[in-house]
Amino acid sequence: MLHVVHHADYMAPRPDRGTFRFDKYYLVMEELRASGAPITEHAPDPMPRAWLEAVHCPDYVDEVFRGEVPRDKERRIGFPVTPAIRDRVRHTNGGTWLAAQLAMEHGYAANSAAGSHHALHDTGAGYCVFNDLAVTANRLIAERHAARVLIVDCDVHQGDGTASLTAGREDIFTLSLHAEKNFPVRKARSSRDVGLPDGLDDDGYMEVLTRHLPEVFADFAPDFVLYQAGVDPHAEDKLGRLALSDAGLAARDRFVVASCRGRRLPVASALGGGYGDDPRIVAARHAASMLAMAGENAGFAPPGPTK
């Protein structure tokens, strides 16, 4: 059973400026519903303002809520922050939180949006407004659902915002596997960064992942995992520089979930990046990713509550 979080507000009307395409979000759900796989859909509440302000600058949160984000910040984000976008990002952030709650019950759950790992303390960036990964990790610890949260970021772009927002925390660990020469040009410092060479294929990627992830588990000993499951490492991705196949993405995702399941750790995934001229092809990659992870999760038995 795939437990997937979705909300109508994920499909915000396209702003009059910017190049980001929002159409893949309803197409992902169409692909999932047409797959014939057992799926349960869950609708999130909007992320509370106070939870966002615990991670982001309250002045910036206020700019977003009022729909008055300065143009220089909107340029960094990549589109204007309209009232519809405000409602969207509150729900996508709430979606990752809900996916985390569902993961504690079912072992694995997916948010069909978010993974906004470029958003920084006082501004958004790279199509990201609020950083759902950092906000959810912070809240999991504040609510005592977890004591140590591992954020595994396998998007093709480094999770610079997540790294910056959690820097110096001993209870949150960020592992980023990304194309070294891709955006952002200026990388932040994750707890562990693994920069990958252009054109890395399935075998090369899995060699790196299977070496680093078990080391992080052993050294950090998390009790919850958030997974940025971007499909932009695919060889045909418009903004990627790696060369993974469909099978390579599936192997990556299954390994992450299997590693969590073997340690009885809940894992919640966020959609992350995936770009191309045909949004349905990209949506199919995201849907296949979630279904692969749900399949690997079968039989999960969650541990008792964190003391």
C-alpha atoms as a PDB file:
ATOM      1  CA  MET A   1       0.000   0.000   0.000  1.00  0.00           C
ATOM      2  CA  LEU A   2       1.305   3.427  -0.963  1.00  0.00           C
ATOM      3  CA  HIS A   3       0.224   6.177   1.412  1.00  0.00           C
ATOM      4  CA  VAL A   4       0.552   9.391  -0.590  1.00  0.00           C
ATOM      5  CA  VAL A   5      -0.200  12.946   0.470  1.00  0.00           C
ATOM      6  CA  HIS A   6      -1.838  15.268  -2.047  1.00  0.00           C
ATOM      7  CA  HIS A   7      -3.900  18.457  -2.052  1.00  0.00           C
ATOM      8  CA  ALA A   8      -5.721  20.413  -4.739  1.00  0.00           C
ATOM      9  CA  ASP A   9      -3.643  23.484  -3.849  1.00  0.00           C
ATOM     10  CA  TYR A  10      -0.512  21.703  -5.117  1.00  0.00           C
ATOM     11  CA  MET A  11      -1.758  22.724  -8.564  1.00  0.00           C
ATOM     12  CA  ALA A  12      -1.530  26.494  -8.149  1.00  0.00           C
ATOM     13  CA  PRO A  13      -2.412  28.614 -11.204  1.00  0.00           C
ATOM     14  CA  ARG A  14       0.753  29.350 -13.130  1.00  0.00           C
ATOM     15  CA  PRO A  15       2.052  32.852 -12.302  1.00  0.00           C
ATOM     16  CA  ASP A  16       2.400  35.399 -15.094  1.00  0.00           C
ATOM     17  CA  ARG A  17       6.190  35.359 -14.709  1.00  0.00           C
ATOM     18  CA  GLY A  18       8.660  32.509 -14.313  1.00  0.00           C
ATOM     19  CA  THR A  19       9.429  29.249 -16.098  1.00  0.00           C
ATOM     20  CA  PHE A  20       8.467  26.683 -13.460  1.00  0.00           C
ATOM     21  CA  ARG A  21       5.833  24.187 -14.568  1.00  0.00           C
ATOM     22  CA  PHE A  22       3.207  23.119 -12.041  1.00  0.00           C
ATOM     23  CA  ASP A  23       1.395  20.664 -14.308  1.00  0.00           C
ATOM     24  CA  LYS A  24       3.461  17.634 -13.269  1.00  0.00           C
ATOM     25  CA  TYR A  25       1.804  17.589  -9.849  1.00  0.00           C
ATOM     26  CA  TYR A  26      -1.631  16.514 -11.032  1.00  0.00           C
ATOM     27  CA  LEU A  27      -0.024  14.256 -13.638  1.00  0.00           C
ATOM     28  CA  VAL A  28       1.862  12.400 -10.896  1.00  0.00           C
ATOM     29  CA  MET A  29      -1.440  11.599  -9.241  1.00  0.00           C
ATOM     30  CA  GLU A  30      -2.957  10.541 -12.574  1.00  0.00           C
ATOM     31  CA  GLU A  31      -0.059   8.139 -13.089  1.00  0.00           C
ATOM     32  CA  LEU A  32      -0.440   6.706  -9.596  1.00  0.00           C
ATOM     33  CA  ARG A  33      -4.187   6.266  -9.920  1.00  0.00           C
ATOM     34  CA  ALA A  34      -3.811   4.596 -13.315  1.00  0.00           C
ATOM     35  CA  SER A  35      -1.095   2.213 -12.094  1.00  0.00           C
ATOM     36  CA  GLY A  36      -3.512  -0.241 -10.504  1.00  0.00           C
ATOM     37  CA  ALA A  37      -1.363  -0.289  -7.356  1.00  0.00           C
ATOM     38  CA  PRO A  38      -3.078  -0.035  -3.959  1.00  0.00           C
ATOM     39  CA  ILE A  39      -3.000   3.644  -2.985  1.00  0.00           C
ATOM     40  CA  THR A  40      -4.455   5.604  -0.112  1.00  0.00           C
ATOM     41  CA  GLU A  41      -4.560   9.370  -0.585  1.00  0.00           C
ATOM     42  CA  HIS A  42      -4.314  11.790   2.337  1.00  0.00           C
ATOM     43  CA  ALA A  43      -4.933  15.559   2.302  1.00  0.00           C
ATOM     44  CA  PRO A  44      -2.686  17.751   4.467  1.00  0.00           C
ATOM     45  CA  ASP A  45      -3.525  20.762   6.578  1.00  0.00           C
ATOM     46  CA  PRO A  46      -1.542  23.935   5.853  1.00  0.00           C
ATOM     47  CA  MET A  47       1.699  24.203   7.781  1.00  0.00           C
ATOM     48  CA  PRO A  48       1.185  26.441  10.837  1.00  0.00           C
ATOM     49  CA  ARG A  49       2.866  29.817  10.559  1.00  0.00           C
ATOM     50  CA  ALA A  50       4.691  29.384  13.862  1.00  0.00           C
ATOM     51  CA  TRP A  51       6.308  26.164  12.630  1.00  0.00           C
ATOM     52  CA  LEU A  52       7.605  27.966   9.540  1.00  0.00           C
ATOM     53  CA  GLU A  53       8.889  30.857  11.657  1.00  0.00           C
ATOM     54  CA  ALA A  54      10.794  28.415  13.855  1.00  0.00           C
ATOM     55  CA  VAL A  55      13.088  27.771  10.869  1.00  0.00           C
ATOM     56  CA  HIS A  56      12.658  30.738   8.525  1.00  0.00           C
ATOM     57  CA  CYS A  57      13.021  34.451   9.270  1.00  0.00           C
ATOM     58  CA  PRO A  58       9.631  35.698  10.557  1.00  0.00           C
ATOM     59  CA  ASP A  59       9.917  38.800   8.362  1.00  0.00           C
ATOM     60  CA  TYR A  60      10.282  36.615   5.264  1.00  0.00           C
ATOM     61  CA  VAL A  61       7.382  34.389   6.343  1.00  0.00           C
ATOM     62  CA  ASP A  62       5.307  37.549   6.733  1.00  0.00           C
ATOM     63  CA  GLU A  63       6.257  38.685   3.210  1.00  0.00           C
ATOM     64  CA  VAL A  64       5.033  35.374   1.816  1.00  0.00           C
ATOM     65  CA  PHE A  65       1.814  35.400   3.834  1.00  0.00           C
ATOM     66  CA  ARG A  66       1.030  38.973   2.739  1.00  0.00           C
ATOM     67  CA  GLY A  67       1.933  38.195  -0.883  1.00  0.00           C
ATOM     68  CA  GLU A  68       4.488  40.992  -0.856  1.00  0.00           C
ATOM     69  CA  VAL A  69       7.777  39.219  -1.486  1.00  0.00           C
ATOM     70  CA  PRO A  70      10.325  41.699  -2.915  1.00  0.00           C
ATOM     71  CA  ARG A  71      11.146  41.301  -6.585  1.00  0.00           C
ATOM     72  CA  ASP A  72      14.778  40.388  -5.898  1.00  0.00           C
ATOM     73  CA  LYS A  73      13.640  37.443  -3.788  1.00  0.00           C
ATOM     74  CA  GLU A  74      11.052  36.442  -6.382  1.00  0.00           C
ATOM     75  CA  ARG A  75      13.806  36.386  -8.987  1.00  0.00           C
ATOM     76  CA  ARG A  76      15.795  34.002  -6.774  1.00  0.00           C
ATOM     77  CA  ILE A  77      12.715  31.832  -6.338  1.00  0.00           C
ATOM     78  CA  GLY A  78      11.938  31.802 -10.063  1.00  0.00           C
ATOM     79  CA  PHE A  79       8.311  32.982  -9.982  1.00  0.00           C
ATOM     80  CA  PRO A  80       6.161  35.584  -8.193  1.00  0.00           C
ATOM     81  CA  VAL A  81       4.680  34.593  -4.848  1.00  0.00           C
ATOM     82  CA  THR A  82       0.963  35.118  -5.425  1.00  0.00           C
ATOM     83  CA  PRO A  83      -1.755  34.335  -2.850  1.00  0.00           C
ATOM     84  CA  ALA A  84      -2.282  31.016  -4.660  1.00  0.00           C
ATOM     85  CA  ILE A  85       1.433  30.217  -4.356  1.00  0.00           C
ATOM     86  CA  ARG A  86       1.280  31.128  -0.651  1.00  0.00           C
ATOM     87  CA  ASP A  87      -1.539  28.649  -0.145  1.00  0.00           C
ATOM     88  CA  ARG A  88       0.309  26.065  -2.211  1.00  0.00           C
ATOM     89  CA  VAL A  89       3.538  26.193  -0.228  1.00  0.00           C
ATOM     90  CA  ARG A  90       1.700  26.081   3.095  1.00  0.00           C
ATOM     91  CA  HIS A  91       0.007  22.883   1.928  1.00  0.00           C
ATOM     92  CA  THR A  92       3.129  21.317   0.381  1.00  0.00           C
ATOM     93  CA  ASN A  93       4.998  21.933   3.644  1.00  0.00           C
ATOM     94  CA  GLY A  94       2.066  20.507   5.568  1.00  0.00           C
ATOM     95  CA  GLY A  95       2.218  17.564   3.178  1.00  0.00           C
ATOM     96  CA  THR A  96       5.732  16.595   4.178  1.00  0.00           C
ATOM     97  CA  TRP A  97       4.736  16.856   7.827  1.00  0.00           C
ATOM     98  CA  LEU A  98       1.721  14.605   7.219  1.00  0.00           C
ATOM     99  CA  ALA A  99       3.870  12.134   5.255  1.00  0.00           C
ATOM    100  CA  ALA A 100       6.178  11.968   8.273  1.00  0.00           C
ATOM    101  CA  GLN A 101       3.231  11.218  10.560  1.00  0.00           C
ATOM    102  CA  LEU A 102       2.015   8.492   8.210  1.00  0.00           C
ATOM    103  CA  ALA A 103       5.511   7.012   7.975  1.00  0.00           C
ATOM    104  CA  MET A 104       5.559   6.511  11.722  1.00  0.00           C
ATOM    105  CA  GLU A 105       2.436   4.388  11.356  1.00  0.00           C
ATOM    106  CA  HIS A 106       3.113   2.618   8.067  1.00  0.00           C
ATOM    107  CA  GLY A 107       6.897   2.709   7.671  1.00  0.00           C
ATOM    108  CA  TYR A 108       6.895   4.714   4.453  1.00  0.00           C
ATOM    109  CA  ALA A 109       4.756   7.523   3.059  1.00  0.00           C
ATOM    110  CA  ALA A 110       5.213   9.998   0.226  1.00  0.00           C
ATOM    111  CA  ASN A 111       4.411  13.644  -0.317  1.00  0.00           C
ATOM    112  CA  SER A 112       3.449  14.155  -3.962  1.00  0.00           C
ATOM    113  CA  ALA A 113       5.100  17.581  -3.943  1.00  0.00           C
ATOM    114  CA  ALA A 114       7.722  19.590  -1.987  1.00  0.00           C
ATOM    115  CA  GLY A 115      11.346  18.659  -1.398  1.00  0.00           C
ATOM    116  CA  SER A 116      12.057  22.409  -1.437  1.00  0.00           C
ATOM    117  CA  HIS A 117      15.687  22.092  -0.457  1.00  0.00           C
ATOM    118  CA  HIS A 118      16.983  25.422  -1.837  1.00  0.00           C
ATOM    119  CA  ALA A 119      14.869  27.690   0.399  1.00  0.00           C
ATOM    120  CA  LEU A 120      17.047  29.647   2.825  1.00  0.00           C
ATOM    121  CA  HIS A 121      16.475  31.436   6.129  1.00  0.00           C
ATOM    122  CA  ASP A 122      15.258  34.774   4.762  1.00  0.00           C
ATOM    123  CA  THR A 123      14.482  34.022   1.135  1.00  0.00           C
ATOM    124  CA  GLY A 124      13.426  31.343  -1.263  1.00  0.00           C
ATOM    125  CA  ALA A 125      15.559  30.171  -4.176  1.00  0.00           C
ATOM    126  CA  GLY A 126      15.579  27.684  -7.033  1.00  0.00           C
ATOM    127  CA  TYR A 127      11.778  27.241  -7.272  1.00  0.00           C
ATOM    128  CA  CYS A 128      11.589  26.777  -3.468  1.00  0.00           C
ATOM    129  CA  VAL A 129       9.720  29.122  -1.104  1.00  0.00           C
ATOM    130  CA  PHE A 130       9.794  27.364   2.291  1.00  0.00           C
ATOM    131  CA  ASN A 131      12.061  24.434   3.154  1.00  0.00           C
ATOM    132  CA  ASP A 132       9.688  21.605   4.078  1.00  0.00           C
ATOM    133  CA  LEU A 133      12.559  19.209   4.876  1.00  0.00           C
ATOM    134  CA  ALA A 134      14.146  21.505   7.472  1.00  0.00           C
ATOM    135  CA  VAL A 135      10.767  22.567   8.890  1.00  0.00           C
ATOM    136  CA  THR A 136       9.555  18.973   9.249  1.00  0.00           C
ATOM    137  CA  ALA A 137      12.838  17.767  10.745  1.00  0.00           C
ATOM    138  CA  ASN A 138      12.742  20.590  13.272  1.00  0.00           C
ATOM    139  CA  ARG A 139       9.139  19.830  14.183  1.00  0.00           C
ATOM    140  CA  LEU A 140       9.696  16.079  14.522  1.00  0.00           C
ATOM    141  CA  ILE A 141      12.317  16.820  17.153  1.00  0.00           C
ATOM    142  CA  ALA A 142      10.298  19.584  18.850  1.00  0.00           C
ATOM    143  CA  GLU A 143       7.275  17.272  19.126  1.00  0.00           C
ATOM    144  CA  ARG A 144       9.529  14.450  20.434  1.00  0.00           C
ATOM    145  CA  HIS A 145       8.601  12.142  17.569  1.00  0.00           C
ATOM    146  CA  ALA A 146      12.325  11.764  16.920  1.00  0.00           C
ATOM    147  CA  ALA A 147      15.586  12.596  18.621  1.00  0.00           C
ATOM    148  CA  ARG A 148      17.867  12.411  15.555  1.00  0.00           C
ATOM    149  CA  VAL A 149      16.662  13.035  12.014  1.00  0.00           C
ATOM    150  CA  LEU A 150      18.624  12.098   8.908  1.00  0.00           C
ATOM    151  CA  ILE A 151      17.832  13.974   5.690  1.00  0.00           C
ATOM    152  CA  VAL A 152      18.973  11.974   2.663  1.00  0.00           C
ATOM    153  CA  ASP A 153      19.045  14.206  -0.419  1.00  0.00           C
ATOM    154  CA  CYS A 154      19.451  12.376  -3.727  1.00  0.00           C
ATOM    155  CA  ASP A 155      18.214  15.207  -5.923  1.00  0.00           C
ATOM    156  CA  VAL A 156      20.727  16.048  -8.657  1.00  0.00           C
ATOM    157  CA  HIS A 157      21.165  19.504  -7.104  1.00  0.00           C
ATOM    158  CA  GLN A 158      22.795  20.025  -3.737  1.00  0.00           C
ATOM    159  CA  GLY A 159      20.383  20.720  -0.876  1.00  0.00           C
ATOM    160  CA  ASP A 160      22.082  24.001   0.002  1.00  0.00           C
ATOM    161  CA  GLY A 161      19.101  25.491   1.815  1.00  0.00           C
ATOM    162  CA  THR A 162      18.581  22.430   3.997  1.00  0.00           C
ATOM    163  CA  ALA A 163      22.283  22.332   4.825  1.00  0.00           C
ATOM    164  CA  SER A 164      22.306  26.027   5.770  1.00  0.00           C
ATOM    165  CA  LEU A 165      19.142  25.882   7.870  1.00  0.00           C
ATOM    166  CA  THR A 166      20.336  22.886   9.892  1.00  0.00           C
ATOM    167  CA  ALA A 167      24.033  23.770  10.126  1.00  0.00           C
ATOM    168  CA  GLY A 168      25.533  23.192  13.547  1.00  0.00           C
ATOM    169  CA  ARG A 169      22.707  20.996  14.810  1.00  0.00           C
ATOM    170  CA  GLU A 170      23.798  17.715  16.303  1.00  0.00           C
ATOM    171  CA  ASP A 171      20.286  16.243  16.041  1.00  0.00           C
ATOM    172  CA  ILE A 172      19.855  16.709  12.269  1.00  0.00           C
ATOM    173  CA  PHE A 173      22.254  15.199   9.722  1.00  0.00           C
ATOM    174  CA  THR A 174      22.181  16.141   6.023  1.00  0.00           C
ATOM    175  CA  LEU A 175      23.582  13.769   3.405  1.00  0.00           C
ATOM    176  CA  SER A 176      23.626  15.186  -0.121  1.00  0.00           C
ATOM    177  CA  LEU A 177      24.520  13.211  -3.252  1.00  0.00           C
ATOM    178  CA  HIS A 178      24.512  15.662  -6.149  1.00  0.00           C
ATOM    179  CA  ALA A 179      26.121  16.542  -9.470  1.00  0.00           C
ATOM    180  CA  GLU A 180      29.129  18.584  -8.438  1.00  0.00           C
ATOM    181  CA  LYS A 181      29.006  20.948 -11.444  1.00  0.00           C
ATOM    182  CA  ASN A 182      25.263  21.584 -11.257  1.00  0.00           C
ATOM    183  CA  PHE A 183      23.233  24.287  -9.500  1.00  0.00           C
ATOM    184  CA  PRO A 184      23.879  25.886  -7.077  1.00  0.00           C
ATOM    185  CA  VAL A 185      27.265  27.208  -8.121  1.00  0.00           C
ATOM    186  CA  ARG A 186      28.050  28.078  -4.521  1.00  0.00           C
ATOM    187  CA  LYS A 187      27.504  24.964  -2.451  1.00  0.00           C
ATOM    188  CA  ALA A 188      26.645  25.050   1.230  1.00  0.00           C
ATOM    189  CA  ARG A 189      28.222  22.570   3.634  1.00  0.00           C
ATOM    190  CA  SER A 190      26.042  19.560   4.384  1.00  0.00           C
ATOM    191  CA  SER A 191      26.919  17.194   7.205  1.00  0.00           C
ATOM    192  CA  ARG A 192      28.262  15.024   4.378  1.00  0.00           C
ATOM    193  CA  ASP A 193      28.480  16.135   0.751  1.00  0.00           C
ATOM    194  CA  VAL A 194      29.189  13.727  -2.083  1.00  0.00           C
ATOM    195  CA  GLY A 195      29.777  15.600  -5.328  1.00  0.00           C
ATOM    196  CA  LEU A 196      29.326  13.358  -8.344  1.00  0.00           C
ATOM    197  CA  PRO A 197      30.997  13.694 -11.770  1.00  0.00           C
ATOM    198  CA  ASP A 198      28.998  14.464 -14.899  1.00  0.00           C
ATOM    199  CA  GLY A 199      27.626  11.413 -16.684  1.00  0.00           C
ATOM    200  CA  LEU A 200      27.777   9.048 -13.702  1.00  0.00           C
ATOM    201  CA  ASP A 201      25.749   5.920 -14.547  1.00  0.00           C
ATOM    202  CA  ASP A 202      23.682   3.453 -12.514  1.00  0.00           C
ATOM    203  CA  ASP A 203      26.595   1.328 -11.353  1.00  0.00           C
ATOM    204  CA  GLY A 204      28.734   4.301 -10.379  1.00  0.00           C
ATOM    205  CA  TYR A 205      25.891   5.945  -8.494  1.00  0.00           C
ATOM    206  CA  MET A 206      24.995   2.820  -6.552  1.00  0.00           C
ATOM    207  CA  GLU A 207      28.632   2.248  -5.647  1.00  0.00           C
ATOM    208  CA  VAL A 208      28.686   5.694  -4.026  1.00  0.00           C
ATOM    209  CA  LEU A 209      25.287   5.395  -2.342  1.00  0.00           C
ATOM    210  CA  THR A 210      25.901   1.922  -0.943  1.00  0.00           C
ATOM    211  CA  ARG A 211      29.196   3.108   0.526  1.00  0.00           C
ATOM    212  CA  HIS A 212      28.107   6.380   2.120  1.00  0.00           C
ATOM    213  CA  LEU A 213      24.586   5.712   3.399  1.00  0.00           C
ATOM    214  CA  PRO A 214      25.489   2.755   5.664  1.00  0.00           C
ATOM    215  CA  GLU A 215      28.402   4.780   7.073  1.00  0.00           C
ATOM    216  CA  VAL A 216      26.048   7.643   7.941  1.00  0.00           C
ATOM    217  CA  PHE A 217      23.584   5.274   9.584  1.00  0.00           C
ATOM    218  CA  ALA A 218      26.377   3.774  11.666  1.00  0.00           C
ATOM    219  CA  ASP A 219      27.907   7.110  12.675  1.00  0.00           C
ATOM    220  CA  PHE A 220      24.766   9.202  13.236  1.00  0.00           C
ATOM    221  CA  ALA A 221      22.252   6.544  14.355  1.00  0.00           C
ATOM    222  CA  PRO A 222      19.060   8.355  13.298  1.00  0.00           C
ATOM    223  CA  ASP A 223      15.590   7.365  14.421  1.00  0.00           C
ATOM    224  CA  PHE A 224      13.781   9.042  11.505  1.00  0.00           C
ATOM    225  CA  VAL A 225      14.656   9.590   7.831  1.00  0.00           C
ATOM    226  CA  LEU A 226      13.404  12.252   5.427  1.00  0.00           C
ATOM    227  CA  TYR A 227      14.221  11.449   1.819  1.00  0.00           C
ATOM    228  CA  GLN A 228      14.502  13.998  -0.983  1.00  0.00           C
ATOM    229  CA  ALA A 229      13.705  11.655  -3.889  1.00  0.00           C
ATOM    230  CA  GLY A 230      14.247  13.881  -6.911  1.00  0.00           C
ATOM    231  CA  VAL A 231      14.231  12.067 -10.251  1.00  0.00           C
ATOM    232  CA  ASP A 232      16.488  14.620 -11.954  1.00  0.00           C
ATOM    233  CA  PRO A 233      19.582  12.346 -11.853  1.00  0.00           C
ATOM    234  CA  HIS A 234      17.888  10.610 -14.827  1.00  0.00           C
ATOM    235  CA  ALA A 235      19.921  10.630 -18.033  1.00  0.00           C
ATOM    236  CA  GLU A 236      17.134  12.421 -19.929  1.00  0.00           C
ATOM    237  CA  ASP A 237      16.395  15.077 -17.336  1.00  0.00           C
ATOM    238  CA  LYS A 238      16.524  18.600 -18.729  1.00  0.00           C
ATOM    239  CA  LEU A 239      18.420  20.061 -15.745  1.00  0.00           C
ATOM    240  CA  GLY A 240      20.467  17.055 -14.659  1.00  0.00           C
ATOM    241  CA  ARG A 241      24.045  16.119 -15.476  1.00  0.00           C
ATOM    242  CA  LEU A 242      23.992  12.471 -14.411  1.00  0.00           C
ATOM    243  CA  ALA A 243      23.022   9.397 -16.431  1.00  0.00           C
ATOM    244  CA  LEU A 244      20.770   7.168 -14.353  1.00  0.00           C
ATOM    245  CA  SER A 245      18.214   4.972 -16.097  1.00  0.00           C
ATOM    246  CA  ASP A 246      14.697   4.166 -14.915  1.00  0.00           C
ATOM    247  CA  ALA A 247      16.115   0.999 -13.371  1.00  0.00           C
ATOM    248  CA  GLY A 248      18.887   2.992 -11.711  1.00  0.00           C
ATOM    249  CA  LEU A 249      16.427   5.374 -10.061  1.00  0.00           C
ATOM    250  CA  ALA A 250      14.377   2.404  -8.829  1.00  0.00           C
ATOM    251  CA  ALA A 251      17.485   0.718  -7.419  1.00  0.00           C
ATOM    252  CA  ARG A 252      18.458   3.942  -5.642  1.00  0.00           C
ATOM    253  CA  ASP A 253      15.025   4.354  -4.076  1.00  0.00           C
ATOM    254  CA  ARG A 254      14.689   0.724  -3.072  1.00  0.00           C
ATOM    255  CA  PHE A 255      18.110   0.806  -1.416  1.00  0.00           C
ATOM    256  CA  VAL A 256      17.247   3.883   0.650  1.00  0.00           C
ATOM    257  CA  VAL A 257      13.974   2.369   1.880  1.00  0.00           C
ATOM    258  CA  ALA A 258      15.505  -1.081   2.409  1.00  0.00           C
ATOM    259  CA  SER A 259      18.268   0.501   4.485  1.00  0.00           C
ATOM    260  CA  CYS A 260      15.628   2.194   6.639  1.00  0.00           C
ATOM    261  CA  ARG A 261      13.457  -0.892   6.877  1.00  0.00           C
ATOM    262  CA  GLY A 262      16.417  -3.019   7.963  1.00  0.00           C
ATOM    263  CA  ARG A 263      16.850  -0.632  10.891  1.00  0.00           C
ATOM    264  CA  ARG A 264      13.086  -0.300  11.544  1.00  0.00           C
ATOM    265  CA  LEU A 265      13.240   3.415  10.739  1.00  0.00           C
ATOM    266  CA  PRO A 266      10.269   5.334   9.355  1.00  0.00           C
ATOM    267  CA  VAL A 267      11.033   7.154   6.102  1.00  0.00           C
ATOM    268  CA  ALA A 268       9.006   9.889   4.423  1.00  0.00           C
ATOM    269  CA  SER A 269       9.828  11.046   0.917  1.00  0.00           C
ATOM    270  CA  ALA A 270       9.304  14.384  -0.795  1.00  0.00           C
ATOM    271  CA  LEU A 271       8.959  14.675  -4.570  1.00  0.00           C
ATOM    272  CA  GLY A 272      11.951  16.846  -5.393  1.00  0.00           C
ATOM    273  CA  GLY A 273      13.202  17.759  -8.844  1.00  0.00           C
ATOM    274  CA  GLY A 274      12.397  16.353 -12.238  1.00  0.00           C
ATOM    275  CA  TYR A 275      12.367  18.420 -15.418  1.00  0.00           C
ATOM    276  CA  GLY A 276      11.637  17.885 -19.080  1.00  0.00           C
ATOM    277  CA  ASP A 277       9.673  19.106 -22.078  1.00  0.00           C
ATOM    278  CA  ASP A 278       7.020  16.413 -21.596  1.00  0.00           C
ATOM    279  CA  PRO A 279       5.659  16.709 -18.038  1.00  0.00           C
ATOM    280  CA  ARG A 280       3.881  13.357 -18.248  1.00  0.00           C
ATOM    281  CA  ILE A 281       7.190  11.532 -18.744  1.00  0.00           C
ATOM    282  CA  VAL A 282       8.605  13.312 -15.701  1.00  0.00           C
ATOM    283  CA  ALA A 283       5.444  12.572 -13.713  1.00  0.00           C
ATOM    284  CA  ALA A 284       5.725   8.888 -14.615  1.00  0.00           C
ATOM    285  CA  ARG A 285       9.258   8.842 -13.170  1.00  0.00           C
ATOM    286  CA  HIS A 286       8.041  10.350  -9.906  1.00  0.00           C
ATOM    287  CA  ALA A 287       5.145   7.886  -9.711  1.00  0.00           C
ATOM    288  CA  ALA A 288       7.445   4.938 -10.400  1.00  0.00           C
ATOM    289  CA  SER A 289       9.785   6.184  -7.661  1.00  0.00           C
ATOM    290  CA  MET A 290       7.020   6.237  -5.041  1.00  0.00           C
ATOM    291  CA  LEU A 291       5.680   2.851  -6.083  1.00  0.00           C
ATOM    292  CA  ALA A 292       9.157   1.303  -5.925  1.00  0.00           C
ATOM    293  CA  MET A 293       9.633   2.609  -2.400  1.00  0.00           C
ATOM    294  CA  ALA A 294       6.200   1.426  -1.284  1.00  0.00           C
ATOM    295  CA  GLY A 295       6.975  -2.022  -2.658  1.00  0.00           C
ATOM    296  CA  GLU A 296      10.263  -2.170  -0.792  1.00  0.00           C
ATOM    297  CA  ASN A 297       8.483  -1.125   2.403  1.00  0.00           C
ATOM    298  CA  ALA A 298       6.077  -4.066   2.401  1.00  0.00           C
ATOM    299  CA  GLY A 299       5.976  -5.767   5.776  1.00  0.00           C
ATOM    300  CA  PHE A 300       7.459  -2.876   7.759  1.00  0.00           C
ATOM    301  CA  ALA A 301       6.924  -3.133  11.535  1.00  0.00           C
ATOM    302  CA  PRO A 302       7.413   0.303  13.158  1.00  0.00           C
ATOM    303  CA  PRO A 303       9.230   0.547  16.503  1.00  0.00           C
ATOM    304  CA  GLY A 304       7.683   1.915  19.664  1.00  0.00           C
ATOM    305  CA  PRO A 305       7.595   5.661  20.359  1.00  0.00           C
ATOM    306  CA  THR A 306      10.805   7.551  20.976  1.00  0.00           C
ATOM    307  CA  LYS A 307      11.493   8.076  24.671  1.00  0.00           C
END
